Amino acid sequence: MDMLVQNGLDSTSGEYTSIKYSLVYGGRCVRCKEWCRLPLITPCRHLLCHECVSIDKTKCTYPGCDNLYEMQSPDTMARPENPNPK
């Protein structure tokens, strides 16, 4: 959540509250609409299930978004905020 705020998400917004709620209690993937216990949040703030994220590891798979990003792999060096990636 801190990274999203650093990238412009207002911590007092409804979007922030919705994302935080989904991380704590689970939520629906915005792409396939399936419920997932722990949705993944893309840098463009889309909540996706593991299957939908796995479709393409270089960009957001939400229809019409295609925001480019790089998924962290356990084979790469861990980031300080995620020392043990899975």
PDB file of N, CA and C in Angstrom:
ATOM      1  N   MET A   1       0.822  -1.183   0.000  1.00  0.00           N
ATOM      2  CA  MET A   1       0.000   0.000   0.000  1.00  0.00           C
ATOM      3  C   MET A   1       0.869   1.251   0.000  1.00  0.00           C
ATOM      4  N   ASP A   2       1.981   1.179   0.724  1.00  0.00           N
ATOM      5  CA  ASP A   2       2.880   2.335   0.772  1.00  0.00           C
ATOM      6  C   ASP A   2       3.392   2.697  -0.612  1.00  0.00           C
ATOM      7  N   MET A   3       3.714   1.681  -1.417  1.00  0.00           N
ATOM      8  CA  MET A   3       4.217   1.956  -2.769  1.00  0.00           C
ATOM      9  C   MET A   3       3.139   2.609  -3.630  1.00  0.00           C
ATOM     10  N   LEU A   4       1.890   2.195  -3.470  1.00  0.00           N
ATOM     11  CA  LEU A   4       0.803   2.809  -4.234  1.00  0.00           C
ATOM     12  C   LEU A   4       0.630   4.271  -3.838  1.00  0.00           C
ATOM     13  N   VAL A   5       0.738   4.557  -2.551  1.00  0.00           N
ATOM     14  CA  VAL A   5       0.631   5.939  -2.076  1.00  0.00           C
ATOM     15  C   VAL A   5       1.795   6.768  -2.621  1.00  0.00           C
ATOM     16  N   GLN A   6       2.992   6.193  -2.615  1.00  0.00           N
ATOM     17  CA  GLN A   6       4.155   6.898  -3.162  1.00  0.00           C
ATOM     18  C   GLN A   6       3.974   7.190  -4.647  1.00  0.00           C
ATOM     19  N   ASN A   7       3.185   6.345  -5.327  1.00  0.00           N
ATOM     20  CA  ASN A   7       2.941   6.533  -6.757  1.00  0.00           C
ATOM     21  C   ASN A   7       1.657   7.290  -7.049  1.00  0.00           C
ATOM     22  N   GLY A   8       1.115   7.980  -6.039  1.00  0.00           N
ATOM     23  CA  GLY A   8       0.006   8.890  -6.286  1.00  0.00           C
ATOM     24  C   GLY A   8      -1.365   8.478  -5.780  1.00  0.00           C
ATOM     25  N   LEU A   9      -1.509   7.308  -5.166  1.00  0.00           N
ATOM     26  CA  LEU A   9      -2.811   6.909  -4.644  1.00  0.00           C
ATOM     27  C   LEU A   9      -3.085   7.676  -3.352  1.00  0.00           C
ATOM     28  N   ASP A  10      -4.218   8.359  -3.296  1.00  0.00           N
ATOM     29  CA  ASP A  10      -4.606   9.135  -2.110  1.00  0.00           C
ATOM     30  C   ASP A  10      -5.053   8.169  -1.010  1.00  0.00           C
ATOM     31  N   SER A  11      -4.372   8.212   0.132  1.00  0.00           N
ATOM     32  CA  SER A  11      -4.671   7.285   1.233  1.00  0.00           C
ATOM     33  C   SER A  11      -6.012   7.567   1.899  1.00  0.00           C
ATOM     34  N   THR A  12      -6.687   8.635   1.506  1.00  0.00           N
ATOM     35  CA  THR A  12      -8.016   8.926   2.045  1.00  0.00           C
ATOM     36  C   THR A  12      -9.112   8.623   1.028  1.00  0.00           C
ATOM     37  N   SER A  13      -8.735   8.064  -0.118  1.00  0.00           N
ATOM     38  CA  SER A  13      -9.707   7.816  -1.183  1.00  0.00           C
ATOM     39  C   SER A  13     -10.441   6.494  -1.002  1.00  0.00           C
ATOM     40  N   GLY A  14     -11.555   6.374  -1.682  1.00  0.00           N
ATOM     41  CA  GLY A  14     -12.313   5.137  -1.693  1.00  0.00           C
ATOM     42  C   GLY A  14     -11.546   4.019  -2.364  1.00  0.00           C
ATOM     43  N   GLU A  15     -10.745   4.357  -3.376  1.00  0.00           N
ATOM     44  CA  GLU A  15      -9.943   3.350  -4.067  1.00  0.00           C
ATOM     45  C   GLU A  15      -8.937   2.719  -3.102  1.00  0.00           C
ATOM     46  N   TYR A  16      -8.295   3.527  -2.283  1.00  0.00           N
ATOM     47  CA  TYR A  16      -7.345   3.036  -1.286  1.00  0.00           C
ATOM     48  C   TYR A  16      -8.057   2.080  -0.328  1.00  0.00           C
ATOM     49  N   THR A  17      -9.205   2.489   0.173  1.00  0.00           N
ATOM     50  CA  THR A  17      -9.969   1.668   1.112  1.00  0.00           C
ATOM     51  C   THR A  17     -10.376   0.343   0.476  1.00  0.00           C
ATOM     52  N   SER A  18     -10.811   0.384  -0.777  1.00  0.00           N
ATOM     53  CA  SER A  18     -11.234  -0.814  -1.486  1.00  0.00           C
ATOM     54  C   SER A  18     -10.075  -1.790  -1.687  1.00  0.00           C
ATOM     55  N   ILE A  19      -8.914  -1.279  -2.089  1.00  0.00           N
ATOM     56  CA  ILE A  19      -7.739  -2.126  -2.286  1.00  0.00           C
ATOM     57  C   ILE A  19      -7.309  -2.746  -0.965  1.00  0.00           C
ATOM     58  N   LYS A  20      -7.252  -1.938   0.075  1.00  0.00           N
ATOM     59  CA  LYS A  20      -6.845  -2.447   1.389  1.00  0.00           C
ATOM     60  C   LYS A  20      -7.813  -3.526   1.879  1.00  0.00           C
ATOM     61  N   TYR A  21      -9.107  -3.306   1.714  1.00  0.00           N
ATOM     62  CA  TYR A  21     -10.114  -4.280   2.110  1.00  0.00           C
ATOM     63  C   TYR A  21      -9.905  -5.600   1.354  1.00  0.00           C
ATOM     64  N   SER A  22      -9.651  -5.525   0.058  1.00  0.00           N
ATOM     65  CA  SER A  22      -9.444  -6.723  -0.761  1.00  0.00           C
ATOM     66  C   SER A  22      -8.200  -7.486  -0.339  1.00  0.00           C
ATOM     67  N   LEU A  23      -7.182  -6.784   0.082  1.00  0.00           N
ATOM     68  CA  LEU A  23      -5.969  -7.456   0.549  1.00  0.00           C
ATOM     69  C   LEU A  23      -6.202  -8.188   1.874  1.00  0.00           C
ATOM     70  N   VAL A  24      -7.036  -7.629   2.718  1.00  0.00           N
ATOM     71  CA  VAL A  24      -7.297  -8.230   4.027  1.00  0.00           C
ATOM     72  C   VAL A  24      -8.320  -9.366   3.934  1.00  0.00           C
ATOM     73  N   TYR A  25      -9.386  -9.155   3.171  1.00  0.00           N
ATOM     74  CA  TYR A  25     -10.502 -10.098   3.163  1.00  0.00           C
ATOM     75  C   TYR A  25     -10.696 -10.868   1.852  1.00  0.00           C
ATOM     76  N   GLY A  26      -9.895 -10.566   0.842  1.00  0.00           N
ATOM     77  CA  GLY A  26     -10.082 -11.184  -0.468  1.00  0.00           C
ATOM     78  C   GLY A  26     -10.978 -10.311  -1.324  1.00  0.00           C
ATOM     79  N   GLY A  27     -11.034 -10.631  -2.595  1.00  0.00           N
ATOM     80  CA  GLY A  27     -11.850  -9.835  -3.495  1.00  0.00           C
ATOM     81  C   GLY A  27     -11.971 -10.484  -4.860  1.00  0.00           C
ATOM     82  N   ARG A  28     -12.699  -9.843  -5.731  1.00  0.00           N
ATOM     83  CA  ARG A  28     -12.900 -10.355  -7.077  1.00  0.00           C
ATOM     84  C   ARG A  28     -11.854  -9.798  -8.027  1.00  0.00           C
ATOM     85  N   CYS A  29     -11.355 -10.678  -8.871  1.00  0.00           N
ATOM     86  CA  CYS A  29     -10.428 -10.276  -9.926  1.00  0.00           C
ATOM     87  C   CYS A  29     -11.193  -9.390 -10.906  1.00  0.00           C
ATOM     88  N   VAL A  30     -10.627  -8.248 -11.270  1.00  0.00           N
ATOM     89  CA  VAL A  30     -11.325  -7.335 -12.178  1.00  0.00           C
ATOM     90  C   VAL A  30     -11.353  -7.850 -13.614  1.00  0.00           C
ATOM     91  N   ARG A  31     -10.531  -8.850 -13.920  1.00  0.00           N
ATOM     92  CA  ARG A  31     -10.489  -9.394 -15.277  1.00  0.00           C
ATOM     93  C   ARG A  31     -11.467 -10.549 -15.451  1.00  0.00           C
ATOM     94  N   CYS A  32     -11.363 -11.590 -14.612  1.00  0.00           N
ATOM     95  CA  CYS A  32     -12.194 -12.789 -14.775  1.00  0.00           C
ATOM     96  C   CYS A  32     -13.389 -12.819 -13.824  1.00  0.00           C
ATOM     97  N   LYS A  33     -13.429 -11.892 -12.876  1.00  0.00           N
ATOM     98  CA  LYS A  33     -14.516 -11.759 -11.895  1.00  0.00           C
ATOM     99  C   LYS A  33     -14.572 -12.904 -10.878  1.00  0.00           C
ATOM    100  N   GLU A  34     -13.558 -13.768 -10.836  1.00  0.00           N
ATOM    101  CA  GLU A  34     -13.509 -14.838  -9.856  1.00  0.00           C
ATOM    102  C   GLU A  34     -13.025 -14.284  -8.516  1.00  0.00           C
ATOM    103  N   TRP A  35     -13.573 -14.820  -7.417  1.00  0.00           N
ATOM    104  CA  TRP A  35     -13.136 -14.414  -6.095  1.00  0.00           C
ATOM    105  C   TRP A  35     -11.788 -15.054  -5.802  1.00  0.00           C
ATOM    106  N   CYS A  36     -10.887 -14.302  -5.209  1.00  0.00           N
ATOM    107  CA  CYS A  36      -9.594 -14.855  -4.813  1.00  0.00           C
ATOM    108  C   CYS A  36      -9.252 -14.356  -3.412  1.00  0.00           C
ATOM    109  N   ARG A  37      -8.605 -15.213  -2.663  1.00  0.00           N
ATOM    110  CA  ARG A  37      -8.257 -14.895  -1.282  1.00  0.00           C
ATOM    111  C   ARG A  37      -7.261 -13.752  -1.192  1.00  0.00           C
ATOM    112  N   LEU A  38      -6.283 -13.760  -2.061  1.00  0.00           N
ATOM    113  CA  LEU A  38      -5.264 -12.720  -2.031  1.00  0.00           C
ATOM    114  C   LEU A  38      -5.007 -12.209  -3.450  1.00  0.00           C
ATOM    115  N   PRO A  39      -5.770 -11.209  -3.880  1.00  0.00           N
ATOM    116  CA  PRO A  39      -5.550 -10.675  -5.216  1.00  0.00           C
ATOM    117  C   PRO A  39      -4.200  -9.958  -5.299  1.00  0.00           C
ATOM    118  N   LEU A  40      -3.655  -9.952  -6.481  1.00  0.00           N
ATOM    119  CA  LEU A  40      -2.409  -9.222  -6.733  1.00  0.00           C
ATOM    120  C   LEU A  40      -2.777  -7.841  -7.246  1.00  0.00           C
ATOM    121  N   ILE A  41      -2.027  -6.852  -6.828  1.00  0.00           N
ATOM    122  CA  ILE A  41      -2.297  -5.483  -7.252  1.00  0.00           C
ATOM    123  C   ILE A  41      -1.198  -5.046  -8.207  1.00  0.00           C
ATOM    124  N   THR A  42      -1.598  -4.656  -9.386  1.00  0.00           N
ATOM    125  CA  THR A  42      -0.630  -4.193 -10.378  1.00  0.00           C
ATOM    126  C   THR A  42      -0.236  -2.748 -10.063  1.00  0.00           C
ATOM    127  N   PRO A  43       0.874  -2.274 -10.616  1.00  0.00           N
ATOM    128  CA  PRO A  43       1.251  -0.865 -10.400  1.00  0.00           C
ATOM    129  C   PRO A  43       0.182   0.110 -10.900  1.00  0.00           C
ATOM    130  N   CYS A  44      -0.662  -0.341 -11.840  1.00  0.00           N
ATOM    131  CA  CYS A  44      -1.739   0.518 -12.342  1.00  0.00           C
ATOM    132  C   CYS A  44      -3.014   0.349 -11.515  1.00  0.00           C
ATOM    133  N   ARG A  45      -2.888  -0.346 -10.379  1.00  0.00           N
ATOM    134  CA  ARG A  45      -3.925  -0.487  -9.357  1.00  0.00           C
ATOM    135  C   ARG A  45      -5.103  -1.370  -9.762  1.00  0.00           C
ATOM    136  N   HIS A  46      -4.855  -2.363 -10.598  1.00  0.00           N
ATOM    137  CA  HIS A  46      -5.881  -3.354 -10.905  1.00  0.00           C
ATOM    138  C   HIS A  46      -5.678  -4.567 -10.008  1.00  0.00           C
ATOM    139  N   LEU A  47      -6.763  -5.093  -9.444  1.00  0.00           N
ATOM    140  CA  LEU A  47      -6.705  -6.289  -8.610  1.00  0.00           C
ATOM    141  C   LEU A  47      -6.966  -7.501  -9.498  1.00  0.00           C
ATOM    142  N   LEU A  48      -5.981  -8.363  -9.586  1.00  0.00           N
ATOM    143  CA  LEU A  48      -6.068  -9.531 -10.457  1.00  0.00           C
ATOM    144  C   LEU A  48      -5.760 -10.802  -9.675  1.00  0.00           C
ATOM    145  N   CYS A  49      -6.358 -11.916 -10.104  1.00  0.00           N
ATOM    146  CA  CYS A  49      -6.028 -13.206  -9.507  1.00  0.00           C
ATOM    147  C   CYS A  49      -4.704 -13.690 -10.093  1.00  0.00           C
ATOM    148  N   HIS A  50      -4.144 -14.704  -9.480  1.00  0.00           N
ATOM    149  CA  HIS A  50      -2.850 -15.230  -9.917  1.00  0.00           C
ATOM    150  C   HIS A  50      -2.914 -15.716 -11.368  1.00  0.00           C
ATOM    151  N   GLU A  51      -4.002 -16.375 -11.729  1.00  0.00           N
ATOM    152  CA  GLU A  51      -4.134 -16.886 -13.102  1.00  0.00           C
ATOM    153  C   GLU A  51      -4.136 -15.767 -14.126  1.00  0.00           C
ATOM    154  N   CYS A  52      -4.837 -14.689 -13.847  1.00  0.00           N
ATOM    155  CA  CYS A  52      -4.895 -13.574 -14.806  1.00  0.00           C
ATOM    156  C   CYS A  52      -3.564 -12.832 -14.892  1.00  0.00           C
ATOM    157  N   VAL A  53      -2.860 -12.696 -13.782  1.00  0.00           N
ATOM    158  CA  VAL A  53      -1.544 -12.059 -13.808  1.00  0.00           C
ATOM    159  C   VAL A  53      -0.565 -12.920 -14.602  1.00  0.00           C
ATOM    160  N   SER A  54      -0.708 -14.243 -14.473  1.00  0.00           N
ATOM    161  CA  SER A  54       0.216 -15.175 -15.126  1.00  0.00           C
ATOM    162  C   SER A  54       0.097 -15.196 -16.645  1.00  0.00           C
ATOM    163  N   ILE A  55      -0.952 -14.623 -17.187  1.00  0.00           N
ATOM    164  CA  ILE A  55      -1.134 -14.595 -18.643  1.00  0.00           C
ATOM    165  C   ILE A  55       0.023 -13.863 -19.311  1.00  0.00           C
ATOM    166  N   ASP A  56       0.480 -12.782 -18.715  1.00  0.00           N
ATOM    167  CA  ASP A  56       1.578 -11.990 -19.279  1.00  0.00           C
ATOM    168  C   ASP A  56       2.357 -11.362 -18.137  1.00  0.00           C
ATOM    169  N   LYS A  57       3.620 -11.688 -18.020  1.00  0.00           N
ATOM    170  CA  LYS A  57       4.436 -11.180 -16.909  1.00  0.00           C
ATOM    171  C   LYS A  57       5.112  -9.845 -17.219  1.00  0.00           C
ATOM    172  N   THR A  58       4.767  -9.235 -18.353  1.00  0.00           N
ATOM    173  CA  THR A  58       5.385  -7.967 -18.715  1.00  0.00           C
ATOM    174  C   THR A  58       4.415  -6.795 -18.706  1.00  0.00           C
ATOM    175  N   LYS A  59       3.097  -7.082 -18.654  1.00  0.00           N
ATOM    176  CA  LYS A  59       2.123  -5.992 -18.682  1.00  0.00           C
ATOM    177  C   LYS A  59       0.832  -6.410 -17.996  1.00  0.00           C
ATOM    178  N   CYS A  60       0.057  -5.438 -17.624  1.00  0.00           N
ATOM    179  CA  CYS A  60      -1.236  -5.668 -16.991  1.00  0.00           C
ATOM    180  C   CYS A  60      -2.161  -6.342 -17.995  1.00  0.00           C
ATOM    181  N   THR A  61      -2.883  -7.366 -17.552  1.00  0.00           N
ATOM    182  CA  THR A  61      -3.767  -8.104 -18.450  1.00  0.00           C
ATOM    183  C   THR A  61      -5.219  -7.626 -18.386  1.00  0.00           C
ATOM    184  N   TYR A  62      -5.490  -6.573 -17.615  1.00  0.00           N
ATOM    185  CA  TYR A  62      -6.845  -6.021 -17.606  1.00  0.00           C
ATOM    186  C   TYR A  62      -7.143  -5.474 -19.000  1.00  0.00           C
ATOM    187  N   PRO A  63      -8.286  -5.853 -19.592  1.00  0.00           N
ATOM    188  CA  PRO A  63      -8.596  -5.418 -20.964  1.00  0.00           C
ATOM    189  C   PRO A  63      -8.498  -3.906 -21.142  1.00  0.00           C
ATOM    190  N   GLY A  64      -7.694  -3.514 -22.125  1.00  0.00           N
ATOM    191  CA  GLY A  64      -7.528  -2.105 -22.454  1.00  0.00           C
ATOM    192  C   GLY A  64      -6.439  -1.393 -21.682  1.00  0.00           C
ATOM    193  N   CYS A  65      -5.842  -2.028 -20.686  1.00  0.00           N
ATOM    194  CA  CYS A  65      -4.824  -1.353 -19.882  1.00  0.00           C
ATOM    195  C   CYS A  65      -3.437  -1.507 -20.512  1.00  0.00           C
ATOM    196  N   ASP A  66      -2.910  -2.717 -20.532  1.00  0.00           N
ATOM    197  CA  ASP A  66      -1.591  -3.013 -21.108  1.00  0.00           C
ATOM    198  C   ASP A  66      -0.455  -2.187 -20.514  1.00  0.00           C
ATOM    199  N   ASN A  67      -0.614  -1.695 -19.271  1.00  0.00           N
ATOM    200  CA  ASN A  67       0.451  -0.960 -18.602  1.00  0.00           C
ATOM    201  C   ASN A  67       1.650  -1.893 -18.415  1.00  0.00           C
ATOM    202  N   LEU A  68       2.806  -1.478 -18.853  1.00  0.00           N
ATOM    203  CA  LEU A  68       3.993  -2.312 -18.758  1.00  0.00           C
ATOM    204  C   LEU A  68       4.565  -2.298 -17.350  1.00  0.00           C
ATOM    205  N   TYR A  69       5.002  -3.462 -16.892  1.00  0.00           N
ATOM    206  CA  TYR A  69       5.697  -3.590 -15.619  1.00  0.00           C
ATOM    207  C   TYR A  69       6.519  -4.862 -15.647  1.00  0.00           C
ATOM    208  N   GLU A  70       7.383  -5.021 -14.670  1.00  0.00           N
ATOM    209  CA  GLU A  70       8.218  -6.207 -14.597  1.00  0.00           C
ATOM    210  C   GLU A  70       7.902  -6.953 -13.305  1.00  0.00           C
ATOM    211  N   MET A  71       7.497  -8.214 -13.452  1.00  0.00           N
ATOM    212  CA  MET A  71       7.207  -9.040 -12.284  1.00  0.00           C
ATOM    213  C   MET A  71       8.514  -9.455 -11.629  1.00  0.00           C
ATOM    214  N   GLN A  72       8.521  -9.477 -10.306  1.00  0.00           N
ATOM    215  CA  GLN A  72       9.696  -9.941  -9.581  1.00  0.00           C
ATOM    216  C   GLN A  72       9.696 -11.461  -9.588  1.00  0.00           C
ATOM    217  N   SER A  73      10.834 -12.045  -9.828  1.00  0.00           N
ATOM    218  CA  SER A  73      10.992 -13.484  -9.852  1.00  0.00           C
ATOM    219  C   SER A  73      11.851 -13.922  -8.669  1.00  0.00           C
ATOM    220  N   PRO A  74      11.598 -15.108  -8.105  1.00  0.00           N
ATOM    221  CA  PRO A  74      12.455 -15.600  -7.015  1.00  0.00           C
ATOM    222  C   PRO A  74      13.908 -15.770  -7.460  1.00  0.00           C
ATOM    223  N   ASP A  75      14.121 -15.874  -8.782  1.00  0.00           N
ATOM    224  CA  ASP A  75      15.477 -16.026  -9.307  1.00  0.00           C
ATOM    225  C   ASP A  75      16.257 -14.718  -9.291  1.00  0.00           C
ATOM    226  N   THR A  76      15.550 -13.599  -9.174  1.00  0.00           N
ATOM    227  CA  THR A  76      16.226 -12.298  -9.164  1.00  0.00           C
ATOM    228  C   THR A  76      16.532 -11.898  -7.731  1.00  0.00           C
ATOM    229  N   MET A  77      17.369 -10.926  -7.587  1.00  0.00           N
ATOM    230  CA  MET A  77      17.726 -10.443  -6.254  1.00  0.00           C
ATOM    231  C   MET A  77      16.506  -9.831  -5.564  1.00  0.00           C
ATOM    232  N   ALA A  78      16.297 -10.177  -4.331  1.00  0.00           N
ATOM    233  CA  ALA A  78      15.144  -9.685  -3.579  1.00  0.00           C
ATOM    234  C   ALA A  78      15.244  -8.196  -3.325  1.00  0.00           C
ATOM    235  N   ARG A  79      14.088  -7.536  -3.314  1.00  0.00           N
ATOM    236  CA  ARG A  79      14.031  -6.116  -2.967  1.00  0.00           C
ATOM    237  C   ARG A  79      13.980  -5.975  -1.452  1.00  0.00           C
ATOM    238  N   PRO A  80      14.403  -4.845  -0.909  1.00  0.00           N
ATOM    239  CA  PRO A  80      14.377  -4.660   0.554  1.00  0.00           C
ATOM    240  C   PRO A  80      12.977  -4.843   1.142  1.00  0.00           C
ATOM    241  N   GLU A  81      11.920  -4.400   0.431  1.00  0.00           N
ATOM    242  CA  GLU A  81      10.579  -4.523   0.974  1.00  0.00           C
ATOM    243  C   GLU A  81       9.986  -5.922   0.781  1.00  0.00           C
ATOM    244  N   ASN A  82      10.683  -6.800   0.013  1.00  0.00           N
ATOM    245  CA  ASN A  82      10.224  -8.170  -0.194  1.00  0.00           C
ATOM    246  C   ASN A  82      11.448  -9.088  -0.182  1.00  0.00           C
ATOM    247  N   PRO A  83      12.022  -9.334   0.992  1.00  0.00           N
ATOM    248  CA  PRO A  83      13.265 -10.085   1.071  1.00  0.00           C
ATOM    249  C   PRO A  83      13.143 -11.562   0.725  1.00  0.00           C
ATOM    250  N   ASN A  84      11.923 -12.102   0.726  1.00  0.00           N
ATOM    251  CA  ASN A  84      11.751 -13.521   0.453  1.00  0.00           C
ATOM    252  C   ASN A  84      10.622 -13.731  -0.568  1.00  0.00           C
ATOM    253  N   PRO A  85      10.838 -13.361  -1.831  1.00  0.00           N
ATOM    254  CA  PRO A  85       9.768 -13.480  -2.820  1.00  0.00           C
ATOM    255  C   PRO A  85       9.395 -14.937  -3.061  1.00  0.00           C
ATOM    256  N   LYS A  86       8.131 -15.174  -3.337  1.00  0.00           N
ATOM    257  CA  LYS A  86       7.646 -16.525  -3.610  1.00  0.00           C
ATOM    258  C   LYS A  86       7.190 -16.616  -5.047  1.00  0.00           C
TER     259      LYS A  86
END
